Amino acid sequence: DIYGQNIANPVAMVWSAALMLQFLGEQAAHDALLQAIEQVLAKGPRTPDLGGKAPTTEMGEALAALI
């Protein structure tokens, strides 16, 4: 129902990647991803499901910039 609207929250996908990296023994990469998630959730931007107005791409770019 949200396909193609650029409003999906990318946190679950990034968190899944962090867990995969932890499983593979890449603890530093895991920690970097979790820190980025925590910072974006605290400061924004946020997608509509989190009370914000940012599109998926903007939140994803904010996460990527912090890694």
C-alpha atoms as a PDB file:
ATOM      1  CA  ASP A   1       0.000   0.000   0.000  1.00  0.00           C
ATOM      2  CA  ILE A   2       3.020   2.331   0.238  1.00  0.00           C
ATOM      3  CA  TYR A   3       4.834   0.992  -2.821  1.00  0.00           C
ATOM      4  CA  GLY A   4       6.321   3.761  -4.929  1.00  0.00           C
ATOM      5  CA  GLN A   5       5.446   6.537  -2.478  1.00  0.00           C
ATOM      6  CA  ASN A   6       8.958   6.988  -1.007  1.00  0.00           C
ATOM      7  CA  ILE A   7       7.587   6.926   2.545  1.00  0.00           C
ATOM      8  CA  ALA A   8       8.901   3.592   3.882  1.00  0.00           C
ATOM      9  CA  ASN A   9      11.064   3.642   6.979  1.00  0.00           C
ATOM     10  CA  PRO A  10      14.551   2.298   6.079  1.00  0.00           C
ATOM     11  CA  VAL A  11      15.599   1.569   9.683  1.00  0.00           C
ATOM     12  CA  ALA A  12      14.529  -2.095   9.694  1.00  0.00           C
ATOM     13  CA  MET A  13      16.571  -2.826   6.580  1.00  0.00           C
ATOM     14  CA  VAL A  14      19.660  -1.082   7.963  1.00  0.00           C
ATOM     15  CA  TRP A  15      19.255  -2.779  11.327  1.00  0.00           C
ATOM     16  CA  SER A  16      19.001  -6.163   9.591  1.00  0.00           C
ATOM     17  CA  ALA A  17      22.243  -5.407   7.792  1.00  0.00           C
ATOM     18  CA  ALA A  18      23.839  -4.520  11.138  1.00  0.00           C
ATOM     19  CA  LEU A  19      22.773  -7.849  12.616  1.00  0.00           C
ATOM     20  CA  MET A  20      24.182  -9.688   9.605  1.00  0.00           C
ATOM     21  CA  LEU A  21      27.504  -7.888  10.027  1.00  0.00           C
ATOM     22  CA  GLN A  22      27.571  -8.775  13.710  1.00  0.00           C
ATOM     23  CA  PHE A  23      26.917 -12.421  12.877  1.00  0.00           C
ATOM     24  CA  LEU A  24      29.811 -12.298  10.406  1.00  0.00           C
ATOM     25  CA  GLY A  25      32.115 -10.958  13.118  1.00  0.00           C
ATOM     26  CA  GLU A  26      32.194  -7.367  11.896  1.00  0.00           C
ATOM     27  CA  GLN A  27      31.436  -5.767  15.245  1.00  0.00           C
ATOM     28  CA  ALA A  28      32.823  -2.318  14.346  1.00  0.00           C
ATOM     29  CA  ALA A  29      30.594  -2.109  11.262  1.00  0.00           C
ATOM     30  CA  HIS A  30      27.616  -3.300  13.314  1.00  0.00           C
ATOM     31  CA  ASP A  31      28.274  -0.645  15.941  1.00  0.00           C
ATOM     32  CA  ALA A  32      28.623   2.089  13.294  1.00  0.00           C
ATOM     33  CA  LEU A  33      25.253   1.205  11.780  1.00  0.00           C
ATOM     34  CA  LEU A  34      23.516   1.130  15.152  1.00  0.00           C
ATOM     35  CA  GLN A  35      25.044   4.461  16.117  1.00  0.00           C
ATOM     36  CA  ALA A  36      23.818   5.991  12.848  1.00  0.00           C
ATOM     37  CA  ILE A  37      20.322   4.619  13.462  1.00  0.00           C
ATOM     38  CA  GLU A  38      20.255   6.017  16.998  1.00  0.00           C
ATOM     39  CA  GLN A  39      21.400   9.457  15.843  1.00  0.00           C
ATOM     40  CA  VAL A  40      18.878   9.695  13.017  1.00  0.00           C
ATOM     41  CA  LEU A  41      16.028   8.526  15.238  1.00  0.00           C
ATOM     42  CA  ALA A  42      17.007  11.111  17.854  1.00  0.00           C
ATOM     43  CA  LYS A  43      17.623  14.080  15.562  1.00  0.00           C
ATOM     44  CA  GLY A  44      15.804  13.283  12.317  1.00  0.00           C
ATOM     45  CA  PRO A  45      14.951  13.321   9.549  1.00  0.00           C
ATOM     46  CA  ARG A  46      12.039  10.973  10.163  1.00  0.00           C
ATOM     47  CA  THR A  47       9.626   9.236   7.839  1.00  0.00           C
ATOM     48  CA  PRO A  48       5.856   9.750   8.291  1.00  0.00           C
ATOM     49  CA  ASP A  49       5.429   6.592  10.401  1.00  0.00           C
ATOM     50  CA  LEU A  50       7.763   8.203  12.964  1.00  0.00           C
ATOM     51  CA  GLY A  51       5.925  11.523  12.953  1.00  0.00           C
ATOM     52  CA  GLY A  52       8.140  13.208  10.374  1.00  0.00           C
ATOM     53  CA  LYS A  53       7.724  14.313   6.796  1.00  0.00           C
ATOM     54  CA  ALA A  54      10.962  13.048   5.252  1.00  0.00           C
ATOM     55  CA  PRO A  55      10.886  10.648   2.312  1.00  0.00           C
ATOM     56  CA  THR A  56      12.659   7.305   2.498  1.00  0.00           C
ATOM     57  CA  THR A  57      15.554   8.600   0.431  1.00  0.00           C
ATOM     58  CA  GLU A  58      16.236  11.535   2.747  1.00  0.00           C
ATOM     59  CA  MET A  59      16.281   9.348   5.840  1.00  0.00           C
ATOM     60  CA  GLY A  60      18.453   6.790   4.063  1.00  0.00           C
ATOM     61  CA  GLU A  61      20.897   9.476   2.976  1.00  0.00           C
ATOM     62  CA  ALA A  62      21.064  10.774   6.547  1.00  0.00           C
ATOM     63  CA  LEU A  63      21.894   7.272   7.777  1.00  0.00           C
ATOM     64  CA  ALA A  64      24.542   6.835   5.088  1.00  0.00           C
ATOM     65  CA  ALA A  65      26.147  10.180   5.909  1.00  0.00           C
ATOM     66  CA  LEU A  66      26.688   9.080   9.511  1.00  0.00           C
ATOM     67  CA  ILE A  67      28.382   5.799   8.669  1.00  0.00           C
END
